[in-house]
């Protein structure tokens, strides 16, 4: 286990600057998720930590040792890839033991490590099978087992659940989090899925265009996003935004709708409210229904408030038809206000 320090790291591909002076401190035993849209630089940063990409500027330290020029095999890290990267001609046990056999460890020590990893991951009965005989979730466990047996200082996960179906992703999320709680190994995990980030991370690093937009705990980012990008990226469905200005009576949108808001922050020009923070209110604003999506536990309403497209998420079971109105009001305590550049002001 070790700390990881990323200090003013930059990455160029010719003239293109993929990472721009990125700095992050990752504590010992912490589970950190790098999240952002495609092309934001999160996978590039992970590969630089692993030593698979060169560093154009800055420093990366693992366990207090600068590793800029240290080859991947000497960094004491283990990486789990999106495509599992298992050897098809080897059994589960052989795949998991491959790196240990390369190090020429004693057979009894290798067997002990394999048995321990198999017990942790529930692979005891699968050790003699080949990858083609395994499900997607089982293959991912084998890939994780291959990382565990190395007993590294740091685990690196590069979108490991992308190839799994929705139900299996939920199961594997829980298993990876439980694994981290058992092993307490410093973990850096890359994903574009903000639900994965929210449910798994101790700390989230939100990236966009090679820059870190915000770092914090999942609930910090959900409750107090630093800007409209983070506010819109964290949370599903994403936050509703309205442009306008603050008045003495509330926030007046560009098409004249008056939204409730606390007084102050006169520089506010963007009003944000999450779909789940709209309340049904017979005296509220009329949300014109375009689509109603019942899921059983919740009902999502997709529609318009004036000229603005808006989503509402309600625990109640709503009976409405397209073209009708549902009256809603924003929860005043959960309104987010931003300036004209998208920066938080309240």
Protein backbone atom coordinates (compact mmCIF):
# COMPACT_ATOMS: atom_id res chain seq x y z
CA UNK A 1 0.00 0.00 0.00
CA UNK A 2 1.25 3.49 -0.81
CA UNK A 3 0.41 7.11 -1.49
CA UNK A 4 0.34 8.37 -5.08
CA UNK A 5 1.27 11.98 -5.81
CA UNK A 6 0.60 13.52 -9.20
CA UNK A 7 2.35 16.90 -9.34
CA UNK A 8 1.76 19.30 -12.25
CA UNK A 9 1.76 16.48 -14.79
CA UNK A 10 1.43 17.35 -18.47
CA UNK A 11 1.18 15.25 -21.60
CA UNK A 12 1.71 16.32 -25.20
CA UNK A 13 1.04 14.39 -28.39
CA UNK A 14 2.87 16.60 -30.86
CA UNK A 15 1.16 19.99 -30.63
CA UNK A 16 -1.87 18.62 -28.78
CA UNK A 17 -1.87 19.06 -24.99
CA UNK A 18 -3.78 16.07 -23.60
CA UNK A 19 -3.12 16.82 -19.90
CA UNK A 20 -2.59 20.32 -18.54
CA UNK A 21 -0.65 20.63 -15.27
CA UNK A 22 -2.71 17.99 -13.44
CA UNK A 23 -2.12 17.65 -9.69
CA UNK A 24 -3.79 15.11 -7.36
CA UNK A 25 -2.79 13.63 -3.99
CA UNK A 26 -4.03 10.08 -3.35
CA UNK A 27 -3.75 8.85 0.22
CA UNK A 28 -2.66 5.40 1.32
CA UNK A 29 -5.55 2.87 1.05
CA UNK A 30 -7.80 5.39 -0.71
CA UNK A 31 -10.16 4.41 -3.53
CA UNK A 32 -10.01 7.22 -6.10
CA UNK A 33 -12.08 7.35 -9.26
CA UNK A 34 -11.05 9.39 -12.32
CA UNK A 35 -14.24 10.25 -14.17
CA UNK A 36 -15.17 12.35 -17.15
CA UNK A 37 -16.40 12.18 -20.74
CA UNK A 38 -14.45 10.46 -23.51
CA UNK A 39 -11.29 12.36 -24.40
CA UNK A 40 -10.96 14.12 -21.04
CA UNK A 41 -7.55 12.54 -20.30
CA UNK A 42 -8.48 10.12 -17.51
CA UNK A 43 -7.16 6.96 -19.22
CA UNK A 44 -4.04 8.80 -20.36
CA UNK A 45 -3.34 9.79 -16.76
CA UNK A 46 -3.88 6.21 -15.56
CA UNK A 47 -1.50 4.88 -18.21
CA UNK A 48 1.09 7.44 -17.16
CA UNK A 49 0.82 6.24 -13.55
CA UNK A 50 1.26 2.68 -14.84
CA UNK A 51 4.27 3.65 -16.94
CA UNK A 52 2.57 2.78 -20.23
CA UNK A 53 2.72 6.43 -21.38
CA UNK A 54 5.66 8.79 -21.02
CA UNK A 55 5.38 11.95 -18.92
CA UNK A 56 5.93 15.23 -20.79
CA UNK A 57 6.24 17.37 -17.65
CA UNK A 58 5.74 17.17 -13.89
CA UNK A 59 6.26 14.24 -11.52
CA UNK A 60 4.42 11.09 -10.46
CA UNK A 61 5.42 9.49 -7.15
CA UNK A 62 4.33 6.10 -5.78
CA UNK A 63 5.10 5.44 -2.14
CA UNK A 64 7.31 8.54 -2.01
CA UNK A 65 9.46 7.41 -4.98
CA UNK A 66 9.42 9.42 -8.21
CA UNK A 67 8.63 6.94 -11.00
CA UNK A 68 8.83 9.12 -14.12
CA UNK A 69 11.64 7.01 -15.57
CA UNK A 70 10.86 3.73 -13.79
CA UNK A 71 9.62 0.94 -16.13
CA UNK A 72 6.14 -0.50 -15.46
CA UNK A 73 7.49 -3.78 -14.10
CA UNK A 74 9.41 -1.91 -11.39
CA UNK A 75 6.58 0.34 -10.18
CA UNK A 76 4.92 -2.30 -7.97
CA UNK A 77 1.48 -1.70 -9.48
CA UNK A 78 -1.10 -4.09 -10.93
CA UNK A 79 -3.51 -3.10 -13.68
CA UNK A 80 -6.91 -4.54 -14.60
CA UNK A 81 -7.98 -3.76 -18.16
CA UNK A 82 -11.36 -3.37 -19.82
CA UNK A 83 -10.84 -6.41 -22.08
CA UNK A 84 -9.58 -8.76 -19.30
CA UNK A 85 -6.41 -9.63 -21.31
CA UNK A 86 -6.46 -13.30 -20.30
CA UNK A 87 -4.37 -15.93 -22.08
CA UNK A 88 -6.90 -18.21 -23.83
CA UNK A 89 -4.63 -21.27 -23.78
CA UNK A 90 -4.05 -21.09 -20.01
CA UNK A 91 -6.35 -22.21 -17.21
CA UNK A 92 -7.60 -19.79 -14.57
CA UNK A 93 -4.85 -20.90 -12.19
CA UNK A 94 -2.18 -20.52 -14.88
CA UNK A 95 -3.44 -17.05 -15.83
CA UNK A 96 -3.38 -15.93 -12.22
CA UNK A 97 0.06 -17.38 -11.56
CA UNK A 98 1.75 -16.19 -14.75
CA UNK A 99 3.56 -13.16 -13.28
CA UNK A 100 4.63 -15.19 -10.23
CA UNK A 101 6.09 -17.92 -12.41
CA UNK A 102 8.04 -15.30 -14.35
CA UNK A 103 9.55 -14.22 -11.04
CA UNK A 104 10.43 -17.87 -10.37
CA UNK A 105 8.76 -17.91 -6.97
CA UNK A 106 8.60 -21.28 -5.17
CA UNK A 107 5.67 -23.47 -6.27
CA UNK A 108 4.24 -23.65 -2.75
CA UNK A 109 4.26 -19.87 -2.43
CA UNK A 110 2.55 -19.51 -5.81
CA UNK A 111 -0.12 -22.06 -4.84
CA UNK A 112 -0.73 -20.25 -1.54
CA UNK A 113 -1.21 -16.91 -3.31
CA UNK A 114 -3.50 -18.43 -5.95
CA UNK A 115 -5.61 -20.22 -3.34
CA UNK A 116 -5.93 -17.05 -1.26
CA UNK A 117 -6.99 -14.93 -4.25
CA UNK A 118 -9.40 -17.63 -5.43
CA UNK A 119 -10.99 -17.74 -1.97
CA UNK A 120 -11.42 -13.95 -1.87
CA UNK A 121 -12.99 -13.88 -5.36
CA UNK A 122 -15.01 -17.09 -5.20
CA UNK A 123 -12.99 -18.82 -7.92
CA UNK A 124 -12.04 -22.02 -6.03
CA UNK A 125 -14.10 -24.28 -8.30
CA UNK A 126 -12.98 -22.59 -11.54
CA UNK A 127 -9.19 -22.87 -11.29
CA UNK A 128 -8.97 -25.64 -13.92
CA UNK A 129 -11.22 -23.97 -16.47
CA UNK A 130 -10.15 -21.97 -19.52
CA UNK A 131 -11.33 -18.38 -20.19
CA UNK A 132 -13.69 -19.56 -22.95
CA UNK A 133 -15.55 -21.60 -20.33
CA UNK A 134 -16.22 -18.58 -18.12
CA UNK A 135 -18.88 -15.86 -18.06
CA UNK A 136 -17.93 -12.21 -18.42
CA UNK A 137 -18.11 -11.64 -14.67
CA UNK A 138 -15.97 -14.70 -13.96
CA UNK A 139 -13.34 -13.54 -16.46
CA UNK A 140 -13.22 -10.15 -14.76
CA UNK A 141 -12.70 -11.86 -11.40
CA UNK A 142 -9.80 -13.81 -12.89
CA UNK A 143 -8.26 -10.57 -14.15
CA UNK A 144 -8.66 -9.12 -10.66
CA UNK A 145 -7.17 -12.28 -9.14
CA UNK A 146 -4.13 -11.98 -11.38
CA UNK A 147 -3.64 -8.47 -9.94
CA UNK A 148 -4.23 -9.55 -6.32
CA UNK A 149 -1.60 -12.31 -6.31
CA UNK A 150 1.09 -9.75 -7.09
CA UNK A 151 0.30 -7.95 -3.79
CA UNK A 152 1.05 -4.55 -5.35
CA UNK A 153 1.27 -1.14 -3.72
CA UNK A 154 -1.41 0.22 -6.08
CA UNK A 155 -4.28 -1.26 -8.11
CA UNK A 156 -5.15 0.46 -11.39
CA UNK A 157 -8.53 -0.25 -13.03
CA UNK A 158 -9.19 0.96 -16.59
CA UNK A 159 -12.97 0.86 -17.17
CA UNK A 160 -13.12 -2.81 -16.09
CA UNK A 161 -16.92 -3.14 -16.22
CA UNK A 162 -17.61 -1.62 -19.65
CA UNK A 163 -18.05 -5.00 -21.36
CA UNK A 164 -20.54 -6.37 -18.82
CA UNK A 165 -24.33 -6.20 -18.94
CA UNK A 166 -26.19 -3.82 -16.61
CA UNK A 167 -27.08 -6.36 -13.89
CA UNK A 168 -23.56 -7.77 -13.79
CA UNK A 169 -22.04 -4.28 -13.62
CA UNK A 170 -24.03 -3.60 -10.45
CA UNK A 171 -22.85 -6.89 -8.93
CA UNK A 172 -19.21 -6.33 -9.89
CA UNK A 173 -19.27 -2.76 -8.54
CA UNK A 174 -20.15 -4.12 -5.14
CA UNK A 175 -17.55 -6.89 -5.39
CA UNK A 176 -14.73 -4.50 -6.30
CA UNK A 177 -15.68 -2.17 -3.45
CA UNK A 178 -15.83 -5.10 -1.03
CA UNK A 179 -12.46 -6.32 -2.29
CA UNK A 180 -10.95 -2.90 -1.58
CA UNK A 181 -12.38 -2.93 1.93
CA UNK A 182 -10.71 -6.31 2.55
CA UNK A 183 -7.32 -5.59 1.00
CA UNK A 184 -7.12 -1.83 1.71
CA UNK A 185 -4.78 -1.39 -1.26
CA UNK A 186 -4.57 2.09 -2.78
CA UNK A 187 -6.81 1.97 -5.85
CA UNK A 188 -7.18 4.27 -8.86
CA UNK A 189 -10.18 3.50 -11.04
CA UNK A 190 -11.08 5.06 -14.41
CA UNK A 191 -14.65 5.20 -15.69
CA UNK A 192 -16.92 7.41 -17.78
CA UNK A 193 -19.91 6.19 -15.74
CA UNK A 194 -20.72 8.68 -12.97
CA UNK A 195 -22.92 6.11 -11.19
CA UNK A 196 -19.86 3.84 -10.82
CA UNK A 197 -17.90 6.81 -9.53
CA UNK A 198 -20.55 7.81 -7.00
CA UNK A 199 -21.11 4.31 -5.62
CA UNK A 200 -17.48 3.15 -5.39
CA UNK A 201 -15.20 6.09 -4.66
CA UNK A 202 -13.77 7.54 -1.47
CA UNK A 203 -12.72 10.48 -3.65
CA UNK A 204 -13.73 11.47 -7.18
CA UNK A 205 -11.58 13.42 -9.63
CA UNK A 206 -13.76 14.99 -12.34
CA UNK A 207 -11.85 15.76 -15.54
CA UNK A 208 -12.61 17.63 -18.75
CA UNK A 209 -10.30 18.45 -21.69
CA UNK A 210 -7.15 17.49 -19.77
CA UNK A 211 -8.01 19.63 -16.73
CA UNK A 212 -9.31 18.66 -13.29
CA UNK A 213 -12.63 20.42 -12.71
CA UNK A 214 -13.20 19.30 -9.10
CA UNK A 215 -11.91 16.82 -6.52
CA UNK A 216 -13.97 15.67 -3.56
CA UNK A 217 -16.07 12.95 -1.97
CA UNK A 218 -19.08 11.73 -3.98
CA UNK A 219 -21.57 13.62 -1.83
CA UNK A 220 -19.44 16.80 -1.86
CA UNK A 221 -19.60 16.81 -5.65
CA UNK A 222 -23.32 16.02 -5.65
CA UNK A 223 -24.26 18.61 -3.01
CA UNK A 224 -21.85 21.42 -3.96
CA UNK A 225 -20.63 21.10 -7.56
CA UNK A 226 -17.99 23.73 -8.35
CA UNK A 227 -19.44 24.57 -11.75
CA UNK A 228 -22.16 23.68 -14.22
CA UNK A 229 -20.02 20.99 -15.87
CA UNK A 230 -19.63 19.03 -12.63
CA UNK A 231 -23.26 19.73 -11.71
CA UNK A 232 -24.45 18.33 -15.03
CA UNK A 233 -22.07 15.38 -15.07
CA UNK A 234 -22.63 14.12 -11.51
CA UNK A 235 -26.17 12.88 -10.92
CA UNK A 236 -28.55 10.88 -13.07
CA UNK A 237 -30.72 12.20 -14.64
CA UNK A 238 -28.54 15.30 -14.97
CA UNK A 239 -29.32 18.66 -13.39
CA UNK A 240 -31.80 21.06 -15.02
CA UNK A 241 -30.39 24.49 -15.89
CA UNK A 242 -32.15 27.80 -16.57
CA UNK A 243 -30.56 31.04 -17.74
CA UNK A 244 -31.80 34.37 -16.40
CA UNK A 245 -31.16 36.79 -13.56
CA UNK A 246 -31.75 37.17 -9.86
CA UNK A 247 -34.55 39.57 -8.84
CA UNK A 248 -36.02 40.58 -5.49
CA UNK A 249 -38.79 38.01 -6.01
CA UNK A 250 -36.63 35.09 -7.11
CA UNK A 251 -34.81 33.94 -10.23
CA UNK A 252 -36.41 35.16 -13.44
CA UNK A 253 -35.62 33.05 -16.51
CA UNK A 254 -35.01 34.52 -19.95
CA UNK A 255 -38.59 33.63 -20.95
CA UNK A 256 -40.11 35.20 -17.84
CA UNK A 257 -40.69 32.22 -15.54
CA UNK A 258 -40.13 33.07 -11.87
CA UNK A 259 -38.31 30.32 -9.97
CA UNK A 260 -38.00 30.32 -6.16
CA UNK A 261 -34.50 31.14 -4.91
CA UNK A 262 -32.92 32.55 -1.77
CA UNK A 263 -32.14 36.24 -1.91
CA UNK A 264 -28.55 37.29 -2.55
CA UNK A 265 -25.97 36.24 -5.12
CA UNK A 266 -26.99 39.02 -7.54
CA UNK A 267 -24.40 37.77 -10.04
CA UNK A 268 -26.38 34.54 -10.49
CA UNK A 269 -27.24 33.99 -14.14
CA UNK A 270 -27.72 30.22 -14.20
CA UNK A 271 -30.21 28.39 -11.96
CA UNK A 272 -29.79 24.65 -11.37
CA UNK A 273 -32.14 22.12 -9.82
CA UNK A 274 -31.80 18.34 -9.88
CA UNK A 275 -34.77 16.33 -11.22
CA UNK A 276 -35.15 14.56 -7.87
CA UNK A 277 -35.37 17.91 -6.06
CA UNK A 278 -38.57 18.97 -7.80
CA UNK A 279 -41.67 18.45 -5.65
CA UNK A 280 -45.27 17.89 -6.73
CA UNK A 281 -47.25 20.99 -5.71
CA UNK A 282 -50.80 21.82 -6.85
CA UNK A 283 -49.87 25.52 -6.65
CA UNK A 284 -46.54 25.09 -8.41
CA UNK A 285 -45.29 25.71 -11.92
CA UNK A 286 -46.86 23.85 -14.82
CA UNK A 287 -44.49 21.25 -16.27
CA UNK A 288 -45.82 20.19 -19.67
CA UNK A 289 -45.42 16.43 -20.04
CA UNK A 290 -43.78 15.06 -23.18
CA UNK A 291 -42.82 11.59 -21.94
CA UNK A 292 -43.68 9.69 -18.77
CA UNK A 293 -41.23 6.92 -17.73
CA UNK A 294 -42.44 4.81 -14.78
CA UNK A 295 -39.81 2.45 -13.36
CA UNK A 296 -41.80 1.13 -10.41
CA UNK A 297 -39.99 2.84 -7.56
CA UNK A 298 -39.83 6.19 -9.39
CA UNK A 299 -41.45 8.07 -12.24
CA UNK A 300 -39.43 10.27 -14.56
CA UNK A 301 -41.24 13.10 -16.30
CA UNK A 302 -39.59 14.58 -19.39
CA UNK A 303 -41.17 17.78 -20.55
CA UNK A 304 -41.01 21.55 -20.77
CA UNK A 305 -41.19 24.43 -18.33
CA UNK A 306 -41.88 27.37 -20.58
CA UNK A 307 -39.32 27.12 -23.37
CA UNK A 308 -36.91 25.03 -21.26
CA UNK A 309 -36.56 21.25 -21.55
CA UNK A 310 -36.73 19.78 -18.05
CA UNK A 311 -36.65 16.42 -16.27
CA UNK A 312 -38.45 15.61 -13.05
CA UNK A 313 -37.94 12.49 -10.93
CA UNK A 314 -40.65 11.63 -8.42
CA UNK A 315 -41.28 8.85 -5.92
CA UNK A 316 -45.01 9.21 -6.49
CA UNK A 317 -46.82 7.32 -9.22
CA UNK A 318 -48.01 10.00 -11.60
CA UNK A 319 -50.98 9.59 -13.90
CA UNK A 320 -50.53 11.97 -16.83
CA UNK A 321 -50.68 11.93 -20.60
CA UNK A 322 -48.42 13.74 -23.08
CA UNK A 323 -49.56 17.34 -23.45
CA UNK A 324 -50.99 17.59 -19.93
CA UNK A 325 -49.36 19.50 -17.07
CA UNK A 326 -47.84 18.33 -13.80
CA UNK A 327 -47.47 21.11 -11.23
CA UNK A 328 -44.07 21.19 -9.54
CA UNK A 329 -41.95 23.46 -7.38
CA UNK A 330 -38.18 23.34 -6.76
CA UNK A 331 -36.98 22.59 -3.23
CA UNK A 332 -35.67 26.00 -2.18
CA UNK A 333 -32.92 24.53 0.02
CA UNK A 334 -31.52 22.47 -2.87
CA UNK A 335 -31.23 25.13 -5.57
CA UNK A 336 -27.79 25.70 -7.16
CA UNK A 337 -26.80 29.12 -8.52
CA UNK A 338 -23.95 29.82 -10.96
CA UNK A 339 -22.54 32.93 -12.63
CA UNK A 340 -22.45 33.57 -16.37
CA UNK A 341 -19.25 31.49 -16.73
CA UNK A 342 -20.81 28.51 -14.93
CA UNK A 343 -18.97 28.97 -11.61
CA UNK A 344 -20.85 28.28 -8.38
CA UNK A 345 -21.91 31.41 -6.46
CA UNK A 346 -23.97 30.07 -3.54
